[in-house]
Amino acid sequence: MMVIANQMVEESYIENILRMNKGKIGTFYFTFENNPKWNALETRGVIETAGRDHLILSHPETGKRYLFKMINLDYATFDEPLNYIPPKLPPGIQ
C-alpha cells in the first residue's frame, strides 16, 4: 500500500494481483537455478495466498498445499479473467 493524496492505494505487485485472485486455478511456471536434477516446474494449483516472497498453492484435487518462493515464479496462466484493479497514478502521470 502507498498513500497518494491522503488515500491508501494498493500497488500493482505480483503478490497483490495473486491475492486478488485467491481461489482461482492457474498453471504456474517456475525455474530453479543450480538444480542438478531439473531446473523447471510447471504445475496447476489453486491460489491460497501470496506474500512478498512466497506463493502458497493447493492441488485442485488432493488439496495438498505447496509453498514456493516468489523469486522462482516466471509466469502464470489462467483459463478465466483475473481480478485486477489498475493502480491509481498521481495527477500528471499517464
Protein backbone atom coordinates (compact mmCIF):
# COMPACT_ATOMS: atom_id res chain seq x y z
CA MET A 1 0.00 0.00 0.00
CA MET A 2 1.08 3.55 -0.62
CA VAL A 3 -0.53 6.91 0.13
CA ILE A 4 -1.44 9.29 -2.70
CA ALA A 5 -3.32 12.49 -1.86
CA ASN A 6 -4.23 11.12 1.59
CA GLN A 7 -5.70 7.91 0.08
CA MET A 8 -4.42 4.39 0.61
CA VAL A 9 -3.79 2.80 -2.79
CA GLU A 10 -2.93 -0.85 -3.49
CA GLU A 11 0.27 -1.05 -5.50
CA SER A 12 0.39 -3.29 -8.57
CA TYR A 13 2.77 -6.03 -7.49
CA ILE A 14 2.51 -9.69 -8.49
CA GLU A 15 1.70 -10.78 -4.94
CA ASN A 16 -1.19 -8.29 -4.76
CA ILE A 17 -2.59 -9.49 -8.09
CA LEU A 18 -2.33 -13.10 -6.94
CA ARG A 19 -4.08 -12.26 -3.64
CA MET A 20 -6.92 -10.56 -5.57
CA ASN A 21 -7.40 -13.88 -7.37
CA LYS A 22 -7.38 -16.17 -4.34
CA GLY A 23 -9.26 -19.38 -5.09
CA LYS A 24 -8.64 -19.34 -8.84
CA ILE A 25 -6.90 -22.22 -10.60
CA GLY A 26 -3.88 -21.43 -12.74
CA THR A 27 -0.84 -23.02 -14.30
CA PHE A 28 2.35 -21.75 -12.70
CA TYR A 29 5.82 -21.89 -14.24
CA PHE A 30 8.92 -21.89 -12.03
CA THR A 31 12.65 -22.18 -12.65
CA PHE A 32 15.30 -23.13 -10.12
CA GLU A 33 18.98 -22.39 -10.68
CA ASN A 34 21.78 -24.84 -9.94
CA ASN A 35 19.45 -27.81 -9.60
CA PRO A 36 21.29 -30.91 -10.95
CA LYS A 37 18.11 -32.98 -11.50
CA TRP A 38 15.80 -30.40 -13.10
CA ASN A 39 15.53 -26.67 -13.24
CA ALA A 40 11.93 -26.07 -14.25
CA LEU A 41 8.49 -26.88 -12.92
CA GLU A 42 5.03 -26.47 -14.44
CA THR A 43 2.18 -27.07 -12.00
CA ARG A 44 -1.53 -26.37 -11.75
CA GLY A 45 -2.86 -25.14 -8.49
CA VAL A 46 -5.39 -23.07 -6.60
CA ILE A 47 -4.08 -19.78 -5.23
CA GLU A 48 -4.29 -19.97 -1.44
CA THR A 49 -2.35 -16.79 -0.71
CA ALA A 50 0.71 -14.83 -1.77
CA GLY A 51 3.20 -12.67 0.06
CA ARG A 52 6.11 -10.53 -0.98
CA ASP A 53 8.46 -13.53 -1.14
CA HIS A 54 6.18 -16.57 -1.29
CA LEU A 55 3.20 -18.18 -3.01
CA ILE A 56 1.03 -20.91 -1.49
CA LEU A 57 -0.84 -23.14 -3.95
CA SER A 58 -3.03 -26.14 -3.29
CA HIS A 59 -3.51 -29.11 -5.60
CA PRO A 60 -7.01 -28.82 -7.10
CA GLU A 61 -7.86 -32.49 -6.50
CA THR A 62 -6.00 -33.51 -3.33
CA GLY A 63 -5.90 -30.18 -1.50
CA LYS A 64 -2.21 -30.72 -0.67
CA ARG A 65 -0.54 -27.32 -0.18
CA TYR A 66 2.76 -26.17 -1.66
CA LEU A 67 4.92 -23.24 -0.63
CA PHE A 68 7.02 -21.67 -3.40
CA LYS A 69 9.48 -18.82 -3.30
CA MET A 70 8.19 -15.92 -5.42
CA ILE A 71 11.67 -15.38 -6.88
CA ASN A 72 11.31 -18.72 -8.73
CA LEU A 73 7.96 -17.82 -10.35
CA ASP A 74 8.38 -16.99 -14.04
CA TYR A 75 4.75 -16.54 -15.03
CA ALA A 76 1.25 -17.96 -14.64
CA THR A 77 -1.66 -18.63 -16.98
CA PHE A 78 -5.37 -18.74 -16.17
CA ASP A 79 -8.41 -20.03 -18.07
CA GLU A 80 -10.64 -17.25 -16.73
CA PRO A 81 -10.42 -13.47 -16.38
CA LEU A 82 -8.33 -12.15 -13.50
CA ASN A 83 -9.45 -9.67 -10.89
CA TYR A 84 -7.24 -6.63 -11.34
CA ILE A 85 -7.51 -3.04 -10.23
CA PRO A 86 -5.04 -0.82 -12.08
CA PRO A 87 -3.02 1.37 -9.72
CA LYS A 88 -4.08 4.97 -9.39
CA LEU A 89 -1.34 7.28 -10.57
CA PRO A 90 -0.62 10.72 -9.21
CA PRO A 91 -2.06 13.62 -11.24
CA GLY A 92 0.01 14.44 -14.32
CA ILE A 93 1.36 10.91 -14.79
CA GLN A 94 -0.14 8.79 -17.55
